[in-house]
Amino acid sequence: MLSAMFLAVAGMGLTFFPQELNAYIAIGVNKYFTLIIQIMGALYFGFAMINWMAKGSIIGGIYNRPLVIGNFAHFFIGGIALVKVVLADDHMPAAIWILAGIYSVFAILFGILFNRHPNAQA
């Protein structure tokens, strides 16, 4: 549920506030980048809906494996990219550091979920 909420907020923010994001990262008005941001927001929101719809089902091991591996791939690859950026440049904005942390935590949790049977004891 947490990943669904995180992705939904990110998706709505990217979809409805692309110009503000352009201004925040000092790109200026760029209609192509704005379009890419909005499409990325739709992707995040769609992924959030998939996660939200699966919230009541069994997840782990062989159950809902495509959902778990999709989330793991997204958060792991995104986490690696974000951590690489913040380690290379310690002057990155706090928002990027926070995103790197969130992505890393979700990557670890989905990795654990992928390798754990849903009825296994903690």
PDB file of N, CA and C in Angstrom:
ATOM      1  N   MET A   1       0.826  -1.201   0.000  1.00  0.00           N
ATOM      2  CA  MET A   1       0.000   0.000   0.000  1.00  0.00           C
ATOM      3  C   MET A   1       0.863   1.256   0.000  1.00  0.00           C
ATOM      4  N   LEU A   2       1.981   1.220   0.736  1.00  0.00           N
ATOM      5  CA  LEU A   2       2.840   2.404   0.780  1.00  0.00           C
ATOM      6  C   LEU A   2       3.421   2.735  -0.593  1.00  0.00           C
ATOM      7  N   SER A   3       3.828   1.712  -1.323  1.00  0.00           N
ATOM      8  CA  SER A   3       4.378   1.983  -2.660  1.00  0.00           C
ATOM      9  C   SER A   3       3.286   2.536  -3.571  1.00  0.00           C
ATOM     10  N   ALA A   4       2.069   2.040  -3.436  1.00  0.00           N
ATOM     11  CA  ALA A   4       0.966   2.554  -4.254  1.00  0.00           C
ATOM     12  C   ALA A   4       0.709   4.026  -3.944  1.00  0.00           C
ATOM     13  N   MET A   5       0.717   4.375  -2.668  1.00  0.00           N
ATOM     14  CA  MET A   5       0.483   5.769  -2.301  1.00  0.00           C
ATOM     15  C   MET A   5       1.626   6.665  -2.760  1.00  0.00           C
ATOM     16  N   PHE A   6       2.866   6.203  -2.575  1.00  0.00           N
ATOM     17  CA  PHE A   6       4.024   6.977  -3.023  1.00  0.00           C
ATOM     18  C   PHE A   6       3.979   7.203  -4.522  1.00  0.00           C
ATOM     19  N   LEU A   7       3.730   6.144  -5.288  1.00  0.00           N
ATOM     20  CA  LEU A   7       3.690   6.264  -6.742  1.00  0.00           C
ATOM     21  C   LEU A   7       2.506   7.107  -7.211  1.00  0.00           C
ATOM     22  N   ALA A   8       1.374   7.029  -6.518  1.00  0.00           N
ATOM     23  CA  ALA A   8       0.209   7.835  -6.894  1.00  0.00           C
ATOM     24  C   ALA A   8       0.497   9.322  -6.687  1.00  0.00           C
ATOM     25  N   VAL A   9       1.092   9.670  -5.558  1.00  0.00           N
ATOM     26  CA  VAL A   9       1.430  11.074  -5.293  1.00  0.00           C
ATOM     27  C   VAL A   9       2.449  11.569  -6.319  1.00  0.00           C
ATOM     28  N   ALA A  10       3.478  10.759  -6.571  1.00  0.00           N
ATOM     29  CA  ALA A  10       4.486  11.141  -7.566  1.00  0.00           C
ATOM     30  C   ALA A  10       3.853  11.269  -8.948  1.00  0.00           C
ATOM     31  N   GLY A  11       3.002  10.334  -9.303  1.00  0.00           N
ATOM     32  CA  GLY A  11       2.356  10.366 -10.609  1.00  0.00           C
ATOM     33  C   GLY A  11       1.460  11.578 -10.789  1.00  0.00           C
ATOM     34  N   MET A  12       0.673  11.902  -9.773  1.00  0.00           N
ATOM     35  CA  MET A  12      -0.190  13.076  -9.880  1.00  0.00           C
ATOM     36  C   MET A  12       0.639  14.357  -9.916  1.00  0.00           C
ATOM     37  N   GLY A  13       1.691  14.399  -9.124  1.00  0.00           N
ATOM     38  CA  GLY A  13       2.552  15.583  -9.136  1.00  0.00           C
ATOM     39  C   GLY A  13       3.210  15.796 -10.486  1.00  0.00           C
ATOM     40  N   LEU A  14       3.736  14.714 -11.062  1.00  0.00           N
ATOM     41  CA  LEU A  14       4.390  14.827 -12.369  1.00  0.00           C
ATOM     42  C   LEU A  14       3.391  15.151 -13.470  1.00  0.00           C
ATOM     43  N   THR A  15       2.186  14.624 -13.370  1.00  0.00           N
ATOM     44  CA  THR A  15       1.177  14.854 -14.397  1.00  0.00           C
ATOM     45  C   THR A  15       0.635  16.279 -14.357  1.00  0.00           C
ATOM     46  N   PHE A  16       0.364  16.787 -13.160  1.00  0.00           N
ATOM     47  CA  PHE A  16      -0.309  18.077 -13.040  1.00  0.00           C
ATOM     48  C   PHE A  16       0.621  19.268 -12.807  1.00  0.00           C
ATOM     49  N   PHE A  17       1.900  19.025 -12.474  1.00  0.00           N
ATOM     50  CA  PHE A  17       2.814  20.140 -12.203  1.00  0.00           C
ATOM     51  C   PHE A  17       4.135  20.026 -12.967  1.00  0.00           C
ATOM     52  N   PRO A  18       4.099  19.727 -14.258  1.00  0.00           N
ATOM     53  CA  PRO A  18       5.365  19.585 -14.989  1.00  0.00           C
ATOM     54  C   PRO A  18       6.109  20.909 -15.165  1.00  0.00           C
ATOM     55  N   GLN A  19       5.380  22.026 -15.336  1.00  0.00           N
ATOM     56  CA  GLN A  19       6.046  23.312 -15.502  1.00  0.00           C
ATOM     57  C   GLN A  19       6.766  23.717 -14.218  1.00  0.00           C
ATOM     58  N   GLU A  20       6.140  23.447 -13.078  1.00  0.00           N
ATOM     59  CA  GLU A  20       6.767  23.768 -11.796  1.00  0.00           C
ATOM     60  C   GLU A  20       8.022  22.924 -11.583  1.00  0.00           C
ATOM     61  N   LEU A  21       7.965  21.670 -12.011  1.00  0.00           N
ATOM     62  CA  LEU A  21       9.149  20.817 -11.912  1.00  0.00           C
ATOM     63  C   LEU A  21      10.260  21.324 -12.827  1.00  0.00           C
ATOM     64  N   ASN A  22       9.897  21.749 -14.027  1.00  0.00           N
ATOM     65  CA  ASN A  22      10.883  22.353 -14.925  1.00  0.00           C
ATOM     66  C   ASN A  22      11.546  23.560 -14.278  1.00  0.00           C
ATOM     67  N   ALA A  23      10.750  24.396 -13.622  1.00  0.00           N
ATOM     68  CA  ALA A  23      11.299  25.585 -12.961  1.00  0.00           C
ATOM     69  C   ALA A  23      12.175  25.190 -11.780  1.00  0.00           C
ATOM     70  N   TYR A  24      11.752  24.159 -11.029  1.00  0.00           N
ATOM     71  CA  TYR A  24      12.520  23.731  -9.852  1.00  0.00           C
ATOM     72  C   TYR A  24      13.908  23.231 -10.234  1.00  0.00           C
ATOM     73  N   ILE A  25      14.001  22.495 -11.334  1.00  0.00           N
ATOM     74  CA  ILE A  25      15.306  21.977 -11.738  1.00  0.00           C
ATOM     75  C   ILE A  25      15.997  22.891 -12.743  1.00  0.00           C
ATOM     76  N   ALA A  26      15.449  24.095 -12.908  1.00  0.00           N
ATOM     77  CA  ALA A  26      16.059  25.164 -13.706  1.00  0.00           C
ATOM     78  C   ALA A  26      16.256  24.792 -15.170  1.00  0.00           C
ATOM     79  N   ILE A  27      15.299  24.094 -15.748  1.00  0.00           N
ATOM     80  CA  ILE A  27      15.370  23.772 -17.169  1.00  0.00           C
ATOM     81  C   ILE A  27      14.692  24.865 -17.982  1.00  0.00           C
ATOM     82  N   GLY A  28      13.759  25.566 -17.367  1.00  0.00           N
ATOM     83  CA  GLY A  28      13.010  26.574 -18.108  1.00  0.00           C
ATOM     84  C   GLY A  28      11.812  25.931 -18.777  1.00  0.00           C
ATOM     85  N   VAL A  29      11.216  26.652 -19.693  1.00  0.00           N
ATOM     86  CA  VAL A  29      10.045  26.139 -20.402  1.00  0.00           C
ATOM     87  C   VAL A  29      10.532  25.298 -21.579  1.00  0.00           C
ATOM     88  N   ASN A  30      10.252  24.018 -21.502  1.00  0.00           N
ATOM     89  CA  ASN A  30      10.647  23.097 -22.560  1.00  0.00           C
ATOM     90  C   ASN A  30       9.460  22.171 -22.792  1.00  0.00           C
ATOM     91  N   LYS A  31       8.753  22.360 -23.897  1.00  0.00           N
ATOM     92  CA  LYS A  31       7.518  21.614 -24.132  1.00  0.00           C
ATOM     93  C   LYS A  31       7.755  20.110 -24.274  1.00  0.00           C
ATOM     94  N   TYR A  32       8.914  19.712 -24.780  1.00  0.00           N
ATOM     95  CA  TYR A  32       9.202  18.290 -24.936  1.00  0.00           C
ATOM     96  C   TYR A  32       9.470  17.631 -23.584  1.00  0.00           C
ATOM     97  N   PHE A  33      10.241  18.302 -22.750  1.00  0.00           N
ATOM     98  CA  PHE A  33      10.507  17.764 -21.412  1.00  0.00           C
ATOM     99  C   PHE A  33       9.230  17.747 -20.579  1.00  0.00           C
ATOM    100  N   THR A  34       8.390  18.762 -20.748  1.00  0.00           N
ATOM    101  CA  THR A  34       7.100  18.797 -20.051  1.00  0.00           C
ATOM    102  C   THR A  34       6.250  17.598 -20.458  1.00  0.00           C
ATOM    103  N   LEU A  35       6.215  17.277 -21.731  1.00  0.00           N
ATOM    104  CA  LEU A  35       5.463  16.119 -22.210  1.00  0.00           C
ATOM    105  C   LEU A  35       6.018  14.822 -21.628  1.00  0.00           C
ATOM    106  N   ILE A  36       7.332  14.686 -21.618  1.00  0.00           N
ATOM    107  CA  ILE A  36       7.957  13.481 -21.051  1.00  0.00           C
ATOM    108  C   ILE A  36       7.625  13.348 -19.571  1.00  0.00           C
ATOM    109  N   ILE A  37       7.659  14.457 -18.839  1.00  0.00           N
ATOM    110  CA  ILE A  37       7.320  14.429 -17.410  1.00  0.00           C
ATOM    111  C   ILE A  37       5.872  13.985 -17.219  1.00  0.00           C
ATOM    112  N   GLN A  38       4.954  14.500 -18.032  1.00  0.00           N
ATOM    113  CA  GLN A  38       3.550  14.115 -17.901  1.00  0.00           C
ATOM    114  C   GLN A  38       3.333  12.646 -18.238  1.00  0.00           C
ATOM    115  N   ILE A  39       4.012  12.143 -19.247  1.00  0.00           N
ATOM    116  CA  ILE A  39       3.894  10.721 -19.588  1.00  0.00           C
ATOM    117  C   ILE A  39       4.481   9.869 -18.462  1.00  0.00           C
ATOM    118  N   MET A  40       5.595  10.310 -17.884  1.00  0.00           N
ATOM    119  CA  MET A  40       6.179   9.589 -16.755  1.00  0.00           C
ATOM    120  C   MET A  40       5.212   9.598 -15.562  1.00  0.00           C
ATOM    121  N   GLY A  41       4.511  10.716 -15.363  1.00  0.00           N
ATOM    122  CA  GLY A  41       3.508  10.786 -14.304  1.00  0.00           C
ATOM    123  C   GLY A  41       2.383   9.788 -14.528  1.00  0.00           C
ATOM    124  N   ALA A  42       1.961   9.639 -15.783  1.00  0.00           N
ATOM    125  CA  ALA A  42       0.927   8.655 -16.103  1.00  0.00           C
ATOM    126  C   ALA A  42       1.417   7.244 -15.821  1.00  0.00           C
ATOM    127  N   LEU A  43       2.680   6.987 -16.143  1.00  0.00           N
ATOM    128  CA  LEU A  43       3.279   5.683 -15.871  1.00  0.00           C
ATOM    129  C   LEU A  43       3.288   5.403 -14.367  1.00  0.00           C
ATOM    130  N   TYR A  44       3.746   6.366 -13.579  1.00  0.00           N
ATOM    131  CA  TYR A  44       3.774   6.195 -12.126  1.00  0.00           C
ATOM    132  C   TYR A  44       2.368   5.956 -11.580  1.00  0.00           C
ATOM    133  N   PHE A  45       1.401   6.741 -12.059  1.00  0.00           N
ATOM    134  CA  PHE A  45       0.031   6.600 -11.558  1.00  0.00           C
ATOM    135  C   PHE A  45      -0.555   5.249 -11.945  1.00  0.00           C
ATOM    136  N   GLY A  46      -0.274   4.795 -13.164  1.00  0.00           N
ATOM    137  CA  GLY A  46      -0.744   3.470 -13.583  1.00  0.00           C
ATOM    138  C   GLY A  46      -0.140   2.365 -12.734  1.00  0.00           C
ATOM    139  N   PHE A  47       1.139   2.476 -12.441  1.00  0.00           N
ATOM    140  CA  PHE A  47       1.816   1.506 -11.578  1.00  0.00           C
ATOM    141  C   PHE A  47       1.203   1.543 -10.170  1.00  0.00           C
ATOM    142  N   ALA A  48       0.868   2.734  -9.709  1.00  0.00           N
ATOM    143  CA  ALA A  48       0.225   2.870  -8.392  1.00  0.00           C
ATOM    144  C   ALA A  48      -1.120   2.151  -8.374  1.00  0.00           C
ATOM    145  N   MET A  49      -1.879   2.278  -9.455  1.00  0.00           N
ATOM    146  CA  MET A  49      -3.186   1.622  -9.517  1.00  0.00           C
ATOM    147  C   MET A  49      -3.045   0.102  -9.513  1.00  0.00           C
ATOM    148  N   ILE A  50      -2.030  -0.406 -10.207  1.00  0.00           N
ATOM    149  CA  ILE A  50      -1.784  -1.850 -10.192  1.00  0.00           C
ATOM    150  C   ILE A  50      -1.470  -2.304  -8.770  1.00  0.00           C
ATOM    151  N   ASN A  51      -0.599  -1.576  -8.078  1.00  0.00           N
ATOM    152  CA  ASN A  51      -0.257  -1.926  -6.700  1.00  0.00           C
ATOM    153  C   ASN A  51      -1.470  -1.829  -5.782  1.00  0.00           C
ATOM    154  N   TRP A  52      -2.279  -0.798  -5.973  1.00  0.00           N
ATOM    155  CA  TRP A  52      -3.448  -0.609  -5.114  1.00  0.00           C
ATOM    156  C   TRP A  52      -4.466  -1.730  -5.328  1.00  0.00           C
ATOM    157  N   MET A  53      -4.667  -2.136  -6.566  1.00  0.00           N
ATOM    158  CA  MET A  53      -5.631  -3.196  -6.853  1.00  0.00           C
ATOM    159  C   MET A  53      -5.179  -4.552  -6.294  1.00  0.00           C
ATOM    160  N   ALA A  54      -3.890  -4.735  -6.108  1.00  0.00           N
ATOM    161  CA  ALA A  54      -3.359  -6.002  -5.601  1.00  0.00           C
ATOM    162  C   ALA A  54      -3.192  -5.998  -4.088  1.00  0.00           C
ATOM    163  N   LYS A  55      -3.615  -4.932  -3.410  1.00  0.00           N
ATOM    164  CA  LYS A  55      -3.341  -4.807  -1.971  1.00  0.00           C
ATOM    165  C   LYS A  55      -4.000  -5.882  -1.126  1.00  0.00           C
ATOM    166  N   GLY A  56      -5.085  -6.459  -1.565  1.00  0.00           N
ATOM    167  CA  GLY A  56      -5.772  -7.471  -0.782  1.00  0.00           C
ATOM    168  C   GLY A  56      -5.390  -8.899  -1.138  1.00  0.00           C
ATOM    169  N   SER A  57      -4.492  -9.069  -2.091  1.00  0.00           N
ATOM    170  CA  SER A  57      -4.135 -10.419  -2.528  1.00  0.00           C
ATOM    171  C   SER A  57      -2.830 -10.882  -1.892  1.00  0.00           C
ATOM    172  N   ILE A  58      -2.584 -12.170  -2.004  1.00  0.00           N
ATOM    173  CA  ILE A  58      -1.357 -12.749  -1.461  1.00  0.00           C
ATOM    174  C   ILE A  58      -0.194 -12.327  -2.345  1.00  0.00           C
ATOM    175  N   ILE A  59       0.860 -11.820  -1.717  1.00  0.00           N
ATOM    176  CA  ILE A  59       2.046 -11.371  -2.450  1.00  0.00           C
ATOM    177  C   ILE A  59       3.272 -11.974  -1.793  1.00  0.00           C
ATOM    178  N   GLY A  60       4.145 -12.539  -2.594  1.00  0.00           N
ATOM    179  CA  GLY A  60       5.389 -13.119  -2.099  1.00  0.00           C
ATOM    180  C   GLY A  60       5.596 -14.499  -2.694  1.00  0.00           C
ATOM    181  N   GLY A  61       6.851 -14.880  -2.841  1.00  0.00           N
ATOM    182  CA  GLY A  61       7.146 -16.175  -3.437  1.00  0.00           C
ATOM    183  C   GLY A  61       6.646 -16.235  -4.863  1.00  0.00           C
ATOM    184  N   ILE A  62       5.788 -17.228  -5.157  1.00  0.00           N
ATOM    185  CA  ILE A  62       5.253 -17.358  -6.513  1.00  0.00           C
ATOM    186  C   ILE A  62       3.969 -16.551  -6.710  1.00  0.00           C
ATOM    187  N   TYR A  63       3.411 -16.017  -5.642  1.00  0.00           N
ATOM    188  CA  TYR A  63       2.154 -15.282  -5.715  1.00  0.00           C
ATOM    189  C   TYR A  63       2.403 -13.844  -6.155  1.00  0.00           C
ATOM    190  N   ASN A  64       1.720 -13.437  -7.211  1.00  0.00           N
ATOM    191  CA  ASN A  64       1.854 -12.095  -7.777  1.00  0.00           C
ATOM    192  C   ASN A  64       3.299 -11.751  -8.126  1.00  0.00           C
ATOM    193  N   ARG A  65       4.024 -12.742  -8.601  1.00  0.00           N
ATOM    194  CA  ARG A  65       5.441 -12.556  -8.955  1.00  0.00           C
ATOM    195  C   ARG A  65       5.644 -11.418  -9.965  1.00  0.00           C
ATOM    196  N   PRO A  66       4.815 -11.296 -11.025  1.00  0.00           N
ATOM    197  CA  PRO A  66       5.028 -10.187 -11.963  1.00  0.00           C
ATOM    198  C   PRO A  66       4.916  -8.821 -11.287  1.00  0.00           C
ATOM    199  N   LEU A  67       3.982  -8.682 -10.359  1.00  0.00           N
ATOM    200  CA  LEU A  67       3.825  -7.424  -9.634  1.00  0.00           C
ATOM    201  C   LEU A  67       5.054  -7.126  -8.787  1.00  0.00           C
ATOM    202  N   VAL A  68       5.525  -8.121  -8.069  1.00  0.00           N
ATOM    203  CA  VAL A  68       6.690  -7.936  -7.198  1.00  0.00           C
ATOM    204  C   VAL A  68       7.943  -7.644  -8.019  1.00  0.00           C
ATOM    205  N   ILE A  69       8.168  -8.394  -9.083  1.00  0.00           N
ATOM    206  CA  ILE A  69       9.387  -8.193  -9.863  1.00  0.00           C
ATOM    207  C   ILE A  69       9.340  -6.868 -10.618  1.00  0.00           C
ATOM    208  N   GLY A  70       8.172  -6.430 -11.044  1.00  0.00           N
ATOM    209  CA  GLY A  70       8.055  -5.113 -11.677  1.00  0.00           C
ATOM    210  C   GLY A  70       8.386  -3.993 -10.703  1.00  0.00           C
ATOM    211  N   ASN A  71       7.857  -4.084  -9.494  1.00  0.00           N
ATOM    212  CA  ASN A  71       8.164  -3.092  -8.464  1.00  0.00           C
ATOM    213  C   ASN A  71       9.637  -3.140  -8.080  1.00  0.00           C
ATOM    214  N   PHE A  72      10.153  -4.348  -7.920  1.00  0.00           N
ATOM    215  CA  PHE A  72      11.563  -4.490  -7.549  1.00  0.00           C
ATOM    216  C   PHE A  72      12.462  -3.874  -8.621  1.00  0.00           C
ATOM    217  N   ALA A  73      12.183  -4.185  -9.874  1.00  0.00           N
ATOM    218  CA  ALA A  73      13.008  -3.649 -10.966  1.00  0.00           C
ATOM    219  C   ALA A  73      12.949  -2.127 -10.987  1.00  0.00           C
ATOM    220  N   HIS A  74      11.758  -1.572 -10.852  1.00  0.00           N
ATOM    221  CA  HIS A  74      11.604  -0.116 -10.869  1.00  0.00           C
ATOM    222  C   HIS A  74      12.381   0.538  -9.727  1.00  0.00           C
ATOM    223  N   PHE A  75      12.149   0.062  -8.519  1.00  0.00           N
ATOM    224  CA  PHE A  75      12.779   0.700  -7.364  1.00  0.00           C
ATOM    225  C   PHE A  75      14.278   0.406  -7.280  1.00  0.00           C
ATOM    226  N   PHE A  76      14.706  -0.787  -7.703  1.00  0.00           N
ATOM    227  CA  PHE A  76      16.123  -1.123  -7.661  1.00  0.00           C
ATOM    228  C   PHE A  76      16.918  -0.297  -8.673  1.00  0.00           C
ATOM    229  N   ILE A  77      16.440  -0.256  -9.903  1.00  0.00           N
ATOM    230  CA  ILE A  77      17.144   0.500 -10.943  1.00  0.00           C
ATOM    231  C   ILE A  77      17.102   1.993 -10.631  1.00  0.00           C
ATOM    232  N   GLY A  78      15.933   2.484 -10.244  1.00  0.00           N
ATOM    233  CA  GLY A  78      15.826   3.893  -9.863  1.00  0.00           C
ATOM    234  C   GLY A  78      16.671   4.220  -8.647  1.00  0.00           C
ATOM    235  N   GLY A  79      16.689   3.308  -7.673  1.00  0.00           N
ATOM    236  CA  GLY A  79      17.502   3.521  -6.468  1.00  0.00           C
ATOM    237  C   GLY A  79      18.985   3.575  -6.775  1.00  0.00           C
ATOM    238  N   ILE A  80      19.446   2.680  -7.639  1.00  0.00           N
ATOM    239  CA  ILE A  80      20.863   2.692  -8.023  1.00  0.00           C
ATOM    240  C   ILE A  80      21.211   4.012  -8.700  1.00  0.00           C
ATOM    241  N   ALA A  81      20.361   4.466  -9.621  1.00  0.00           N
ATOM    242  CA  ALA A  81      20.621   5.725 -10.322  1.00  0.00           C
ATOM    243  C   ALA A  81      20.653   6.901  -9.350  1.00  0.00           C
ATOM    244  N   LEU A  82      19.699   6.942  -8.432  1.00  0.00           N
ATOM    245  CA  LEU A  82      19.635   8.050  -7.470  1.00  0.00           C
ATOM    246  C   LEU A  82      20.811   8.028  -6.497  1.00  0.00           C
ATOM    247  N   VAL A  83      21.147   6.856  -5.977  1.00  0.00           N
ATOM    248  CA  VAL A  83      22.275   6.757  -5.047  1.00  0.00           C
ATOM    249  C   VAL A  83      23.572   7.131  -5.758  1.00  0.00           C
ATOM    250  N   LYS A  84      23.721   6.705  -6.992  1.00  0.00           N
ATOM    251  CA  LYS A  84      24.916   7.055  -7.770  1.00  0.00           C
ATOM    252  C   LYS A  84      25.047   8.573  -7.912  1.00  0.00           C
ATOM    253  N   VAL A  85      23.934   9.244  -8.177  1.00  0.00           N
ATOM    254  CA  VAL A  85      23.955  10.697  -8.345  1.00  0.00           C
ATOM    255  C   VAL A  85      24.294  11.407  -7.031  1.00  0.00           C
ATOM    256  N   VAL A  86      23.671  10.986  -5.931  1.00  0.00           N
ATOM    257  CA  VAL A  86      23.930  11.690  -4.671  1.00  0.00           C
ATOM    258  C   VAL A  86      25.330  11.397  -4.133  1.00  0.00           C
ATOM    259  N   LEU A  87      25.877  10.235  -4.433  1.00  0.00           N
ATOM    260  CA  LEU A  87      27.242   9.953  -3.996  1.00  0.00           C
ATOM    261  C   LEU A  87      28.274  10.704  -4.841  1.00  0.00           C
ATOM    262  N   ALA A  88      27.940  10.959  -6.101  1.00  0.00           N
ATOM    263  CA  ALA A  88      28.864  11.675  -6.979  1.00  0.00           C
ATOM    264  C   ALA A  88      28.851  13.184  -6.708  1.00  0.00           C
ATOM    265  N   ASP A  89      27.717  13.705  -6.249  1.00  0.00           N
ATOM    266  CA  ASP A  89      27.591  15.147  -6.025  1.00  0.00           C
ATOM    267  C   ASP A  89      26.860  15.382  -4.707  1.00  0.00           C
ATOM    268  N   ASP A  90      27.604  15.725  -3.662  1.00  0.00           N
ATOM    269  CA  ASP A  90      26.985  15.910  -2.348  1.00  0.00           C
ATOM    270  C   ASP A  90      26.243  17.240  -2.224  1.00  0.00           C
ATOM    271  N   HIS A  91      26.182  18.020  -3.303  1.00  0.00           N
ATOM    272  CA  HIS A  91      25.433  19.278  -3.293  1.00  0.00           C
ATOM    273  C   HIS A  91      24.058  19.131  -3.934  1.00  0.00           C
ATOM    274  N   MET A  92      23.620  17.901  -4.112  1.00  0.00           N
ATOM    275  CA  MET A  92      22.290  17.668  -4.687  1.00  0.00           C
ATOM    276  C   MET A  92      21.235  18.176  -3.705  1.00  0.00           C
ATOM    277  N   PRO A  93      20.080  18.610  -4.213  1.00  0.00           N
ATOM    278  CA  PRO A  93      19.007  19.074  -3.329  1.00  0.00           C
ATOM    279  C   PRO A  93      18.546  17.953  -2.385  1.00  0.00           C
ATOM    280  N   ALA A  94      18.008  18.359  -1.256  1.00  0.00           N
ATOM    281  CA  ALA A  94      17.529  17.397  -0.263  1.00  0.00           C
ATOM    282  C   ALA A  94      16.467  16.470  -0.835  1.00  0.00           C
ATOM    283  N   ALA A  95      15.671  16.966  -1.769  1.00  0.00           N
ATOM    284  CA  ALA A  95      14.617  16.137  -2.373  1.00  0.00           C
ATOM    285  C   ALA A  95      15.210  14.919  -3.069  1.00  0.00           C
ATOM    286  N   ILE A  96      16.359  15.074  -3.702  1.00  0.00           N
ATOM    287  CA  ILE A  96      16.992  13.948  -4.394  1.00  0.00           C
ATOM    288  C   ILE A  96      17.522  12.949  -3.378  1.00  0.00           C
ATOM    289  N   TRP A  97      18.093  13.435  -2.277  1.00  0.00           N
ATOM    290  CA  TRP A  97      18.564  12.543  -1.206  1.00  0.00           C
ATOM    291  C   TRP A  97      17.395  11.754  -0.620  1.00  0.00           C
ATOM    292  N   ILE A  98      16.285  12.421  -0.395  1.00  0.00           N
ATOM    293  CA  ILE A  98      15.100  11.751   0.162  1.00  0.00           C
ATOM    294  C   ILE A  98      14.577  10.701  -0.818  1.00  0.00           C
ATOM    295  N   LEU A  99      14.503  11.064  -2.112  1.00  0.00           N
ATOM    296  CA  LEU A  99      14.069  10.097  -3.123  1.00  0.00           C
ATOM    297  C   LEU A  99      14.991   8.887  -3.168  1.00  0.00           C
ATOM    298  N   ALA A 100      16.294   9.119  -3.064  1.00  0.00           N
ATOM    299  CA  ALA A 100      17.258   8.010  -3.068  1.00  0.00           C
ATOM    300  C   ALA A 100      16.987   7.075  -1.892  1.00  0.00           C
ATOM    301  N   GLY A 101      16.687   7.645  -0.733  1.00  0.00           N
ATOM    302  CA  GLY A 101      16.372   6.825   0.438  1.00  0.00           C
ATOM    303  C   GLY A 101      15.090   6.035   0.271  1.00  0.00           C
ATOM    304  N   ILE A 102      14.051   6.698  -0.223  1.00  0.00           N
ATOM    305  CA  ILE A 102      12.761   6.025  -0.419  1.00  0.00           C
ATOM    306  C   ILE A 102      12.894   4.896  -1.430  1.00  0.00           C
ATOM    307  N   TYR A 103      13.545   5.178  -2.550  1.00  0.00           N
ATOM    308  CA  TYR A 103      13.726   4.146  -3.574  1.00  0.00           C
ATOM    309  C   TYR A 103      14.535   2.972  -3.036  1.00  0.00           C
ATOM    310  N   SER A 104      15.580   3.258  -2.260  1.00  0.00           N
ATOM    311  CA  SER A 104      16.410   2.180  -1.701  1.00  0.00           C
ATOM    312  C   SER A 104      15.615   1.304  -0.744  1.00  0.00           C
ATOM    313  N   VAL A 105      14.812   1.922   0.109  1.00  0.00           N
ATOM    314  CA  VAL A 105      13.998   1.152   1.059  1.00  0.00           C
ATOM    315  C   VAL A 105      12.996   0.273   0.318  1.00  0.00           C
ATOM    316  N   PHE A 106      12.299   0.840  -0.671  1.00  0.00           N
ATOM    317  CA  PHE A 106      11.339   0.041  -1.434  1.00  0.00           C
ATOM    318  C   PHE A 106      12.037  -1.079  -2.208  1.00  0.00           C
ATOM    319  N   ALA A 107      13.223  -0.826  -2.740  1.00  0.00           N
ATOM    320  CA  ALA A 107      13.965  -1.876  -3.456  1.00  0.00           C
ATOM    321  C   ALA A 107      14.292  -3.028  -2.514  1.00  0.00           C
ATOM    322  N   ILE A 108      14.755  -2.705  -1.318  1.00  0.00           N
ATOM    323  CA  ILE A 108      15.082  -3.746  -0.339  1.00  0.00           C
ATOM    324  C   ILE A 108      13.831  -4.531   0.046  1.00  0.00           C
ATOM    325  N   LEU A 109      12.741  -3.820   0.308  1.00  0.00           N
ATOM    326  CA  LEU A 109      11.505  -4.500   0.726  1.00  0.00           C
ATOM    327  C   LEU A 109      10.939  -5.393  -0.376  1.00  0.00           C
ATOM    328  N   PHE A 110      10.930  -4.918  -1.618  1.00  0.00           N
ATOM    329  CA  PHE A 110      10.429  -5.757  -2.700  1.00  0.00           C
ATOM    330  C   PHE A 110      11.380  -6.911  -2.993  1.00  0.00           C
ATOM    331  N   GLY A 111      12.682  -6.717  -2.785  1.00  0.00           N
ATOM    332  CA  GLY A 111      13.641  -7.812  -2.923  1.00  0.00           C
ATOM    333  C   GLY A 111      13.389  -8.900  -1.890  1.00  0.00           C
ATOM    334  N   ILE A 112      13.120  -8.488  -0.660  1.00  0.00           N
ATOM    335  CA  ILE A 112      12.793  -9.452   0.403  1.00  0.00           C
ATOM    336  C   ILE A 112      11.492 -10.170   0.069  1.00  0.00           C
ATOM    337  N   LEU A 113      10.496  -9.406  -0.366  1.00  0.00           N
ATOM    338  CA  LEU A 113       9.197  -9.984  -0.699  1.00  0.00           C
ATOM    339  C   LEU A 113       9.309 -10.997  -1.840  1.00  0.00           C
ATOM    340  N   PHE A 114      10.172 -10.707  -2.805  1.00  0.00           N
ATOM    341  CA  PHE A 114      10.363 -11.605  -3.941  1.00  0.00           C
ATOM    342  C   PHE A 114      10.959 -12.942  -3.507  1.00  0.00           C
ATOM    343  N   ASN A 115      11.820 -12.930  -2.512  1.00  0.00           N
ATOM    344  CA  ASN A 115      12.529 -14.135  -2.085  1.00  0.00           C
ATOM    345  C   ASN A 115      11.909 -14.814  -0.869  1.00  0.00           C
ATOM    346  N   ARG A 116      10.752 -14.370  -0.454  1.00  0.00           N
ATOM    347  CA  ARG A 116      10.142 -14.892   0.767  1.00  0.00           C
ATOM    348  C   ARG A 116       8.751 -15.435   0.477  1.00  0.00           C
ATOM    349  N   HIS A 117       8.467 -16.586   1.026  1.00  0.00           N
ATOM    350  CA  HIS A 117       7.126 -17.159   0.921  1.00  0.00           C
ATOM    351  C   HIS A 117       6.192 -16.322   1.781  1.00  0.00           C
ATOM    352  N   PRO A 118       4.966 -16.079   1.337  1.00  0.00           N
ATOM    353  CA  PRO A 118       4.053 -15.208   2.100  1.00  0.00           C
ATOM    354  C   PRO A 118       3.725 -15.717   3.495  1.00  0.00           C
ATOM    355  N   ASN A 119       3.853 -17.024   3.744  1.00  0.00           N
ATOM    356  CA  ASN A 119       3.549 -17.553   5.076  1.00  0.00           C
ATOM    357  C   ASN A 119       4.779 -17.767   5.925  1.00  0.00           C
ATOM    358  N   ALA A 120       5.960 -17.373   5.442  1.00  0.00           N
ATOM    359  CA  ALA A 120       7.206 -17.562   6.199  1.00  0.00           C
ATOM    360  C   ALA A 120       7.204 -16.671   7.431  1.00  0.00           C
ATOM    361  N   GLN A 121       7.770 -17.180   8.491  1.00  0.00           N
ATOM    362  CA  GLN A 121       7.866 -16.404   9.725  1.00  0.00           C
ATOM    363  C   GLN A 121       8.975 -15.375   9.595  1.00  0.00           C
ATOM    364  N   ALA A 122       8.812 -14.212  10.199  1.00  0.00           N
ATOM    365  CA  ALA A 122       9.808 -13.136  10.123  1.00  0.00           C
ATOM    366  C   ALA A 122      11.055 -13.419  10.870  1.00  0.00           C
TER     367      ALA A 122
END
